[in-house]
């Protein structure tokens, strides 16, 4: 059983908290400390963004964080090294890389999976890699007991959802709104209805992301979901941090109230 699947089984009804940060933002040397602070303040799974120059699914906040990381020289090799350093003191928290296919294609699928597995990465969520174009990568990931997480949007048809679920493992990522990360307010009633439909069509846990920004929005969409993903609001705050102390305190003040709120459900 993979570390990610094991984590969801251990949660046993508790709502998983899945924060996203961009590797290398605000400074490359602070990313590993930020990852440990996320876990210390309630993260069950970490989504670590691979900086990318054309992040078409991301809003301004995460676009700028990618731009900053790239300007500081952060590439995929650096992201792998950060996870490897994180694993020196944490071997139990699942880590997923989130981003786009191009850096991995440049790296080479086989070599990427080999090195990612060696670093302790548990899966990938690639916005622009649908199941039809993921056959080779899926096979390589499966050989290492790693996951490729697939997205489902409010506009995805039932037929398409069933097709995606044939390839999906780990969990389904439900995009809670028609837009980019960090955009408009959520319609939690609609989200919960869609999550219920997803759960009726498959057995995988469902995580809700895009537009979740605080404890109120997290609990609102977690009524039916198994996990909540929160990124832009956190990334924006981290952009003001200048050292490890400020990163740790920012994560604590932001994430802990969300953890407490989710625990109350």
C-alpha atoms as a PDB file:
ATOM      1  CA  UNK A   1       0.000   0.000   0.000  1.00  0.00           C
ATOM      2  CA  UNK A   2       1.321   3.461  -0.897  1.00  0.00           C
ATOM      3  CA  UNK A   3       1.991   6.121   1.715  1.00  0.00           C
ATOM      4  CA  UNK A   4      -0.848   8.226   0.259  1.00  0.00           C
ATOM      5  CA  UNK A   5      -3.426   5.435   0.394  1.00  0.00           C
ATOM      6  CA  UNK A   6      -2.251   4.528   3.869  1.00  0.00           C
ATOM      7  CA  UNK A   7      -2.721   8.149   4.969  1.00  0.00           C
ATOM      8  CA  UNK A   8      -6.335   8.271   3.796  1.00  0.00           C
ATOM      9  CA  UNK A   9      -7.063   4.965   5.517  1.00  0.00           C
ATOM     10  CA  UNK A  10      -5.517   6.247   8.750  1.00  0.00           C
ATOM     11  CA  UNK A  11      -7.689   9.358   8.647  1.00  0.00           C
ATOM     12  CA  UNK A  12     -10.804   7.189   9.014  1.00  0.00           C
ATOM     13  CA  UNK A  13     -13.369   9.918   8.408  1.00  0.00           C
ATOM     14  CA  UNK A  14     -11.226  12.836   9.498  1.00  0.00           C
ATOM     15  CA  UNK A  15     -10.938  15.505   6.791  1.00  0.00           C
ATOM     16  CA  UNK A  16      -7.493  15.649   5.215  1.00  0.00           C
ATOM     17  CA  UNK A  17      -5.781  19.021   4.989  1.00  0.00           C
ATOM     18  CA  UNK A  18      -3.629  19.365   1.866  1.00  0.00           C
ATOM     19  CA  UNK A  19      -1.725  22.670   1.674  1.00  0.00           C
ATOM     20  CA  UNK A  20       0.055  23.741  -1.497  1.00  0.00           C
ATOM     21  CA  UNK A  21       3.239  25.770  -1.603  1.00  0.00           C
ATOM     22  CA  UNK A  22       5.539  26.560  -4.501  1.00  0.00           C
ATOM     23  CA  UNK A  23       9.020  25.092  -4.212  1.00  0.00           C
ATOM     24  CA  UNK A  24      11.584  27.855  -3.955  1.00  0.00           C
ATOM     25  CA  UNK A  25       9.138  30.548  -2.873  1.00  0.00           C
ATOM     26  CA  UNK A  26       9.726  32.937  -1.191  1.00  0.00           C
ATOM     27  CA  UNK A  27      13.328  31.660  -1.014  1.00  0.00           C
ATOM     28  CA  UNK A  28      14.688  28.248  -2.019  1.00  0.00           C
ATOM     29  CA  UNK A  29      16.438  27.745   1.328  1.00  0.00           C
ATOM     30  CA  UNK A  30      13.118  28.121   3.199  1.00  0.00           C
ATOM     31  CA  UNK A  31      11.093  25.447   1.388  1.00  0.00           C
ATOM     32  CA  UNK A  32      12.106  22.468   3.546  1.00  0.00           C
ATOM     33  CA  UNK A  33      11.429  24.404   6.759  1.00  0.00           C
ATOM     34  CA  UNK A  34       8.053  25.422   5.332  1.00  0.00           C
ATOM     35  CA  UNK A  35       7.194  21.781   4.583  1.00  0.00           C
ATOM     36  CA  UNK A  36       7.972  20.741   8.169  1.00  0.00           C
ATOM     37  CA  UNK A  37       5.934  23.676   9.481  1.00  0.00           C
ATOM     38  CA  UNK A  38       2.982  22.565   7.350  1.00  0.00           C
ATOM     39  CA  UNK A  39       3.073  19.121   8.947  1.00  0.00           C
ATOM     40  CA  UNK A  40       3.527  20.536  12.455  1.00  0.00           C
ATOM     41  CA  UNK A  41       0.365  22.592  11.979  1.00  0.00           C
ATOM     42  CA  UNK A  42      -1.953  19.940  10.637  1.00  0.00           C
ATOM     43  CA  UNK A  43      -1.086  19.079   7.046  1.00  0.00           C
ATOM     44  CA  UNK A  44      -1.853  15.470   6.137  1.00  0.00           C
ATOM     45  CA  UNK A  45      -0.476  15.636   2.592  1.00  0.00           C
ATOM     46  CA  UNK A  46       1.802  18.260   1.020  1.00  0.00           C
ATOM     47  CA  UNK A  47       1.403  19.496  -2.531  1.00  0.00           C
ATOM     48  CA  UNK A  48       4.697  20.991  -3.659  1.00  0.00           C
ATOM     49  CA  UNK A  49       4.482  23.094  -6.785  1.00  0.00           C
ATOM     50  CA  UNK A  50       7.093  22.745  -9.496  1.00  0.00           C
ATOM     51  CA  UNK A  51       7.877  26.287 -10.683  1.00  0.00           C
ATOM     52  CA  UNK A  52       6.758  26.674 -14.284  1.00  0.00           C
ATOM     53  CA  UNK A  53       6.882  29.576 -16.710  1.00  0.00           C
ATOM     54  CA  UNK A  54       3.389  29.075 -18.183  1.00  0.00           C
ATOM     55  CA  UNK A  55       1.106  27.919 -15.335  1.00  0.00           C
ATOM     56  CA  UNK A  56      -2.163  28.286 -17.239  1.00  0.00           C
ATOM     57  CA  UNK A  57      -4.371  26.839 -14.469  1.00  0.00           C
ATOM     58  CA  UNK A  58      -2.991  29.143 -11.792  1.00  0.00           C
ATOM     59  CA  UNK A  59      -4.047  32.614 -10.791  1.00  0.00           C
ATOM     60  CA  UNK A  60      -1.834  35.624 -10.268  1.00  0.00           C
ATOM     61  CA  UNK A  61      -0.581  34.657  -6.800  1.00  0.00           C
ATOM     62  CA  UNK A  62       0.810  31.275  -7.784  1.00  0.00           C
ATOM     63  CA  UNK A  63       1.997  32.618 -11.151  1.00  0.00           C
ATOM     64  CA  UNK A  64       4.095  35.187  -9.299  1.00  0.00           C
ATOM     65  CA  UNK A  65       5.423  32.578  -6.875  1.00  0.00           C
ATOM     66  CA  UNK A  66       6.562  30.450  -9.828  1.00  0.00           C
ATOM     67  CA  UNK A  67       8.135  33.478 -11.463  1.00  0.00           C
ATOM     68  CA  UNK A  68      10.009  34.301  -8.262  1.00  0.00           C
ATOM     69  CA  UNK A  69      11.281  30.745  -7.808  1.00  0.00           C
ATOM     70  CA  UNK A  70      12.435  30.515 -11.425  1.00  0.00           C
ATOM     71  CA  UNK A  71      14.212  33.864 -11.103  1.00  0.00           C
ATOM     72  CA  UNK A  72      16.097  32.386  -8.144  1.00  0.00           C
ATOM     73  CA  UNK A  73      17.205  29.474 -10.301  1.00  0.00           C
ATOM     74  CA  UNK A  74      14.848  26.785  -8.993  1.00  0.00           C
ATOM     75  CA  UNK A  75      14.264  23.910 -11.414  1.00  0.00           C
ATOM     76  CA  UNK A  76      13.001  20.367 -11.150  1.00  0.00           C
ATOM     77  CA  UNK A  77      16.344  19.036  -9.881  1.00  0.00           C
ATOM     78  CA  UNK A  78      16.171  21.533  -7.010  1.00  0.00           C
ATOM     79  CA  UNK A  79      12.599  20.493  -6.189  1.00  0.00           C
ATOM     80  CA  UNK A  80      13.676  16.858  -5.978  1.00  0.00           C
ATOM     81  CA  UNK A  81      16.545  17.831  -3.686  1.00  0.00           C
ATOM     82  CA  UNK A  82      14.165  19.738  -1.411  1.00  0.00           C
ATOM     83  CA  UNK A  83      11.952  16.680  -0.993  1.00  0.00           C
ATOM     84  CA  UNK A  84      14.988  14.523  -0.362  1.00  0.00           C
ATOM     85  CA  UNK A  85      16.056  16.909   2.429  1.00  0.00           C
ATOM     86  CA  UNK A  86      12.520  16.913   3.858  1.00  0.00           C
ATOM     87  CA  UNK A  87      12.600  13.103   3.975  1.00  0.00           C
ATOM     88  CA  UNK A  88      15.627  13.180   6.280  1.00  0.00           C
ATOM     89  CA  UNK A  89      13.237  14.055   9.098  1.00  0.00           C
ATOM     90  CA  UNK A  90       9.809  13.037   7.801  1.00  0.00           C
ATOM     91  CA  UNK A  91       9.168   9.664   6.202  1.00  0.00           C
ATOM     92  CA  UNK A  92       5.423   9.477   6.821  1.00  0.00           C
ATOM     93  CA  UNK A  93       3.818  12.559   5.237  1.00  0.00           C
ATOM     94  CA  UNK A  94       2.838  11.985   1.589  1.00  0.00           C
ATOM     95  CA  UNK A  95       4.350  14.524  -0.804  1.00  0.00           C
ATOM     96  CA  UNK A  96       2.858  15.159  -4.235  1.00  0.00           C
ATOM     97  CA  UNK A  97       4.448  17.299  -6.910  1.00  0.00           C
ATOM     98  CA  UNK A  98       1.954  19.595  -8.630  1.00  0.00           C
ATOM     99  CA  UNK A  99       2.638  21.310 -11.888  1.00  0.00           C
ATOM    100  CA  UNK A 100       2.771  20.866 -15.624  1.00  0.00           C
ATOM    101  CA  UNK A 101       4.047  18.175 -17.950  1.00  0.00           C
ATOM    102  CA  UNK A 102       6.770  20.077 -19.794  1.00  0.00           C
ATOM    103  CA  UNK A 103       9.490  19.985 -17.079  1.00  0.00           C
ATOM    104  CA  UNK A 104       8.951  16.242 -16.647  1.00  0.00           C
ATOM    105  CA  UNK A 105       9.045  15.611 -20.398  1.00  0.00           C
ATOM    106  CA  UNK A 106      12.321  17.536 -20.544  1.00  0.00           C
ATOM    107  CA  UNK A 107      13.647  15.453 -17.657  1.00  0.00           C
ATOM    108  CA  UNK A 108      12.501  12.193 -19.264  1.00  0.00           C
ATOM    109  CA  UNK A 109       9.677  10.111 -17.810  1.00  0.00           C
ATOM    110  CA  UNK A 110      11.776   7.138 -16.768  1.00  0.00           C
ATOM    111  CA  UNK A 111      14.545   9.171 -15.146  1.00  0.00           C
ATOM    112  CA  UNK A 112      12.041  11.463 -13.440  1.00  0.00           C
ATOM    113  CA  UNK A 113      10.110   8.600 -11.868  1.00  0.00           C
ATOM    114  CA  UNK A 114      13.336   6.890 -10.813  1.00  0.00           C
ATOM    115  CA  UNK A 115      14.681  10.002  -9.097  1.00  0.00           C
ATOM    116  CA  UNK A 116      11.319  11.126  -7.686  1.00  0.00           C
ATOM    117  CA  UNK A 117      10.804   7.735  -6.085  1.00  0.00           C
ATOM    118  CA  UNK A 118      14.325   7.770  -4.661  1.00  0.00           C
ATOM    119  CA  UNK A 119      13.633  11.204  -3.148  1.00  0.00           C
ATOM    120  CA  UNK A 120      10.459  10.017  -1.427  1.00  0.00           C
ATOM    121  CA  UNK A 121       7.846  11.627  -3.677  1.00  0.00           C
ATOM    122  CA  UNK A 122       4.550   9.770  -3.652  1.00  0.00           C
ATOM    123  CA  UNK A 123       2.860  11.064  -6.778  1.00  0.00           C
ATOM    124  CA  UNK A 124       2.232  13.853  -9.238  1.00  0.00           C
ATOM    125  CA  UNK A 125      -0.669  16.073 -10.200  1.00  0.00           C
ATOM    126  CA  UNK A 126      -0.059  17.415 -13.685  1.00  0.00           C
ATOM    127  CA  UNK A 127      -2.687  19.869 -14.824  1.00  0.00           C
ATOM    128  CA  UNK A 128      -2.082  19.335 -18.548  1.00  0.00           C
ATOM    129  CA  UNK A 129      -1.649  15.557 -18.579  1.00  0.00           C
ATOM    130  CA  UNK A 130      -5.058  13.879 -19.077  1.00  0.00           C
ATOM    131  CA  UNK A 131      -5.382  10.076 -18.915  1.00  0.00           C
ATOM    132  CA  UNK A 132      -5.238   9.766 -22.721  1.00  0.00           C
ATOM    133  CA  UNK A 133      -1.692  11.172 -22.712  1.00  0.00           C
ATOM    134  CA  UNK A 134      -0.479   9.570 -19.498  1.00  0.00           C
ATOM    135  CA  UNK A 135      -0.216   5.898 -20.401  1.00  0.00           C
ATOM    136  CA  UNK A 136       3.578   5.722 -20.259  1.00  0.00           C
ATOM    137  CA  UNK A 137       3.906   7.871 -17.161  1.00  0.00           C
ATOM    138  CA  UNK A 138       1.134   5.986 -15.369  1.00  0.00           C
ATOM    139  CA  UNK A 139       2.870   2.677 -16.026  1.00  0.00           C
ATOM    140  CA  UNK A 140       6.206   3.953 -14.710  1.00  0.00           C
ATOM    141  CA  UNK A 141       4.604   5.511 -11.629  1.00  0.00           C
ATOM    142  CA  UNK A 142       2.623   2.359 -10.857  1.00  0.00           C
ATOM    143  CA  UNK A 143       5.831   0.300 -10.941  1.00  0.00           C
ATOM    144  CA  UNK A 144       7.095   2.466  -8.051  1.00  0.00           C
ATOM    145  CA  UNK A 145       3.770   2.482  -6.162  1.00  0.00           C
ATOM    146  CA  UNK A 146       3.355   6.177  -6.976  1.00  0.00           C
ATOM    147  CA  UNK A 147       0.210   8.002  -8.049  1.00  0.00           C
ATOM    148  CA  UNK A 148      -0.912  10.348 -10.788  1.00  0.00           C
ATOM    149  CA  UNK A 149      -3.755  12.438  -9.450  1.00  0.00           C
ATOM    150  CA  UNK A 150      -6.352  13.542 -12.008  1.00  0.00           C
ATOM    151  CA  UNK A 151      -8.573  16.604 -11.994  1.00  0.00           C
ATOM    152  CA  UNK A 152     -12.337  16.750 -12.423  1.00  0.00           C
ATOM    153  CA  UNK A 153     -14.056  20.094 -13.057  1.00  0.00           C
ATOM    154  CA  UNK A 154     -17.658  21.291 -12.631  1.00  0.00           C
ATOM    155  CA  UNK A 155     -18.011  20.992 -16.413  1.00  0.00           C
ATOM    156  CA  UNK A 156     -16.785  17.360 -16.601  1.00  0.00           C
ATOM    157  CA  UNK A 157     -19.497  15.021 -17.851  1.00  0.00           C
ATOM    158  CA  UNK A 158     -20.443  11.817 -16.054  1.00  0.00           C
ATOM    159  CA  UNK A 159     -19.106   9.821 -18.995  1.00  0.00           C
ATOM    160  CA  UNK A 160     -15.778  11.610 -18.753  1.00  0.00           C
ATOM    161  CA  UNK A 161     -15.611  11.159 -14.969  1.00  0.00           C
ATOM    162  CA  UNK A 162     -16.075   7.409 -15.376  1.00  0.00           C
ATOM    163  CA  UNK A 163     -13.258   7.366 -17.956  1.00  0.00           C
ATOM    164  CA  UNK A 164     -10.915   9.345 -15.701  1.00  0.00           C
ATOM    165  CA  UNK A 165     -11.635   7.050 -12.791  1.00  0.00           C
ATOM    166  CA  UNK A 166     -10.396   4.069 -14.790  1.00  0.00           C
ATOM    167  CA  UNK A 167      -6.885   5.541 -14.603  1.00  0.00           C
ATOM    168  CA  UNK A 168      -7.068   7.441 -11.315  1.00  0.00           C
ATOM    169  CA  UNK A 169      -5.454   6.281  -8.106  1.00  0.00           C
ATOM    170  CA  UNK A 170      -4.818   7.989  -4.766  1.00  0.00           C
ATOM    171  CA  UNK A 171      -7.669  10.477  -4.887  1.00  0.00           C
ATOM    172  CA  UNK A 172      -9.720  12.580  -7.278  1.00  0.00           C
ATOM    173  CA  UNK A 173      -9.000  16.319  -7.253  1.00  0.00           C
ATOM    174  CA  UNK A 174     -12.241  18.248  -7.729  1.00  0.00           C
ATOM    175  CA  UNK A 175     -11.743  21.765  -9.099  1.00  0.00           C
ATOM    176  CA  UNK A 176     -14.375  23.672  -7.167  1.00  0.00           C
ATOM    177  CA  UNK A 177     -14.942  26.507  -9.604  1.00  0.00           C
ATOM    178  CA  UNK A 178     -14.742  27.490 -13.248  1.00  0.00           C
ATOM    179  CA  UNK A 179     -11.548  29.496 -13.117  1.00  0.00           C
ATOM    180  CA  UNK A 180      -7.935  29.492 -12.027  1.00  0.00           C
ATOM    181  CA  UNK A 181      -6.476  28.941  -8.567  1.00  0.00           C
ATOM    182  CA  UNK A 182      -7.313  31.626  -6.056  1.00  0.00           C
ATOM    183  CA  UNK A 183     -10.255  33.022  -8.001  1.00  0.00           C
ATOM    184  CA  UNK A 184     -13.847  33.804  -7.048  1.00  0.00           C
ATOM    185  CA  UNK A 185     -15.915  32.781  -4.056  1.00  0.00           C
ATOM    186  CA  UNK A 186     -17.071  29.203  -3.820  1.00  0.00           C
ATOM    187  CA  UNK A 187     -20.604  27.934  -4.161  1.00  0.00           C
ATOM    188  CA  UNK A 188     -20.248  25.338  -1.412  1.00  0.00           C
ATOM    189  CA  UNK A 189     -23.758  23.928  -1.902  1.00  0.00           C
ATOM    190  CA  UNK A 190     -22.994  23.177  -5.538  1.00  0.00           C
ATOM    191  CA  UNK A 191     -19.560  21.789  -4.664  1.00  0.00           C
ATOM    192  CA  UNK A 192     -20.986  19.387  -2.089  1.00  0.00           C
ATOM    193  CA  UNK A 193     -23.584  18.134  -4.584  1.00  0.00           C
ATOM    194  CA  UNK A 194     -20.866  17.522  -7.180  1.00  0.00           C
ATOM    195  CA  UNK A 195     -18.640  15.734  -4.647  1.00  0.00           C
ATOM    196  CA  UNK A 196     -21.524  13.448  -3.704  1.00  0.00           C
ATOM    197  CA  UNK A 197     -21.974  12.627  -7.393  1.00  0.00           C
ATOM    198  CA  UNK A 198     -18.258  11.886  -7.744  1.00  0.00           C
ATOM    199  CA  UNK A 199     -18.330   9.547  -4.771  1.00  0.00           C
ATOM    200  CA  UNK A 200     -21.305   7.720  -6.264  1.00  0.00           C
ATOM    201  CA  UNK A 201     -19.320   7.141  -9.475  1.00  0.00           C
ATOM    202  CA  UNK A 202     -16.180   5.762  -7.826  1.00  0.00           C
ATOM    203  CA  UNK A 203     -14.534   4.687  -4.615  1.00  0.00           C
ATOM    204  CA  UNK A 204     -11.529   7.000  -4.454  1.00  0.00           C
ATOM    205  CA  UNK A 205     -11.340   9.799  -1.862  1.00  0.00           C
ATOM    206  CA  UNK A 206     -12.264  13.230  -3.221  1.00  0.00           C
ATOM    207  CA  UNK A 207     -10.220  16.361  -2.500  1.00  0.00           C
ATOM    208  CA  UNK A 208     -11.616  19.824  -3.229  1.00  0.00           C
ATOM    209  CA  UNK A 209      -9.356  22.679  -4.273  1.00  0.00           C
ATOM    210  CA  UNK A 210      -9.311  26.038  -6.139  1.00  0.00           C
ATOM    211  CA  UNK A 211     -10.950  28.894  -4.226  1.00  0.00           C
ATOM    212  CA  UNK A 212     -10.494  27.494  -0.708  1.00  0.00           C
ATOM    213  CA  UNK A 213      -8.923  30.306   1.288  1.00  0.00           C
ATOM    214  CA  UNK A 214      -9.704  30.034   5.013  1.00  0.00           C
ATOM    215  CA  UNK A 215     -11.364  27.967   7.725  1.00  0.00           C
ATOM    216  CA  UNK A 216     -14.876  29.003   6.679  1.00  0.00           C
ATOM    217  CA  UNK A 217     -14.452  28.044   3.018  1.00  0.00           C
ATOM    218  CA  UNK A 218     -12.564  24.876   3.966  1.00  0.00           C
ATOM    219  CA  UNK A 219     -15.292  23.597   6.264  1.00  0.00           C
ATOM    220  CA  UNK A 220     -17.990  24.618   3.786  1.00  0.00           C
ATOM    221  CA  UNK A 221     -16.586  22.413   1.015  1.00  0.00           C
ATOM    222  CA  UNK A 222     -15.446  19.646   3.370  1.00  0.00           C
ATOM    223  CA  UNK A 223     -19.000  18.694   4.245  1.00  0.00           C
ATOM    224  CA  UNK A 224     -18.861  15.872   1.679  1.00  0.00           C
ATOM    225  CA  UNK A 225     -15.204  15.901   0.579  1.00  0.00           C
ATOM    226  CA  UNK A 226     -12.486  13.727   2.093  1.00  0.00           C
ATOM    227  CA  UNK A 227      -9.813  16.399   1.747  1.00  0.00           C
ATOM    228  CA  UNK A 228      -9.402  20.125   1.226  1.00  0.00           C
ATOM    229  CA  UNK A 229      -6.584  21.670  -0.805  1.00  0.00           C
ATOM    230  CA  UNK A 230      -5.565  25.235   0.017  1.00  0.00           C
ATOM    231  CA  UNK A 231      -2.896  27.102  -1.898  1.00  0.00           C
ATOM    232  CA  UNK A 232      -3.140  30.679  -3.136  1.00  0.00           C
ATOM    233  CA  UNK A 233      -4.072  32.283   0.196  1.00  0.00           C
ATOM    234  CA  UNK A 234      -1.113  30.604   1.885  1.00  0.00           C
ATOM    235  CA  UNK A 235       1.317  31.291  -0.960  1.00  0.00           C
ATOM    236  CA  UNK A 236       0.348  34.981  -0.868  1.00  0.00           C
ATOM    237  CA  UNK A 237       1.194  35.231   2.843  1.00  0.00           C
ATOM    238  CA  UNK A 238       4.466  33.367   2.394  1.00  0.00           C
ATOM    239  CA  UNK A 239       5.463  35.958  -0.186  1.00  0.00           C
ATOM    240  CA  UNK A 240       5.910  38.427   2.676  1.00  0.00           C
ATOM    241  CA  UNK A 241       8.278  36.171   4.625  1.00  0.00           C
ATOM    242  CA  UNK A 242      11.993  36.880   4.738  1.00  0.00           C
ATOM    243  CA  UNK A 243      13.389  34.138   6.962  1.00  0.00           C
ATOM    244  CA  UNK A 244      12.637  30.771   8.566  1.00  0.00           C
ATOM    245  CA  UNK A 245      11.085  32.331  11.664  1.00  0.00           C
ATOM    246  CA  UNK A 246       8.547  34.315   9.666  1.00  0.00           C
ATOM    247  CA  UNK A 247       7.740  31.326   7.439  1.00  0.00           C
ATOM    248  CA  UNK A 248       7.057  29.098  10.435  1.00  0.00           C
ATOM    249  CA  UNK A 249       4.961  31.696  12.266  1.00  0.00           C
ATOM    250  CA  UNK A 250       2.977  32.532   9.119  1.00  0.00           C
ATOM    251  CA  UNK A 251       2.159  28.888   8.468  1.00  0.00           C
ATOM    252  CA  UNK A 252       1.165  28.343  12.084  1.00  0.00           C
ATOM    253  CA  UNK A 253      -1.172  31.334  12.214  1.00  0.00           C
ATOM    254  CA  UNK A 254      -2.747  30.486   8.858  1.00  0.00           C
ATOM    255  CA  UNK A 255      -2.994  26.702   8.895  1.00  0.00           C
ATOM    256  CA  UNK A 256      -3.725  25.826  12.514  1.00  0.00           C
ATOM    257  CA  UNK A 257      -7.194  27.469  12.605  1.00  0.00           C
ATOM    258  CA  UNK A 258      -8.132  25.585   9.440  1.00  0.00           C
ATOM    259  CA  UNK A 259      -6.972  22.311  10.982  1.00  0.00           C
ATOM    260  CA  UNK A 260      -9.004  22.980  14.122  1.00  0.00           C
ATOM    261  CA  UNK A 261     -12.079  23.882  12.065  1.00  0.00           C
ATOM    262  CA  UNK A 262     -11.827  20.722   9.945  1.00  0.00           C
ATOM    263  CA  UNK A 263     -11.422  18.615  13.087  1.00  0.00           C
ATOM    264  CA  UNK A 264     -14.777  19.924  14.297  1.00  0.00           C
ATOM    265  CA  UNK A 265     -16.663  18.386  11.365  1.00  0.00           C
END
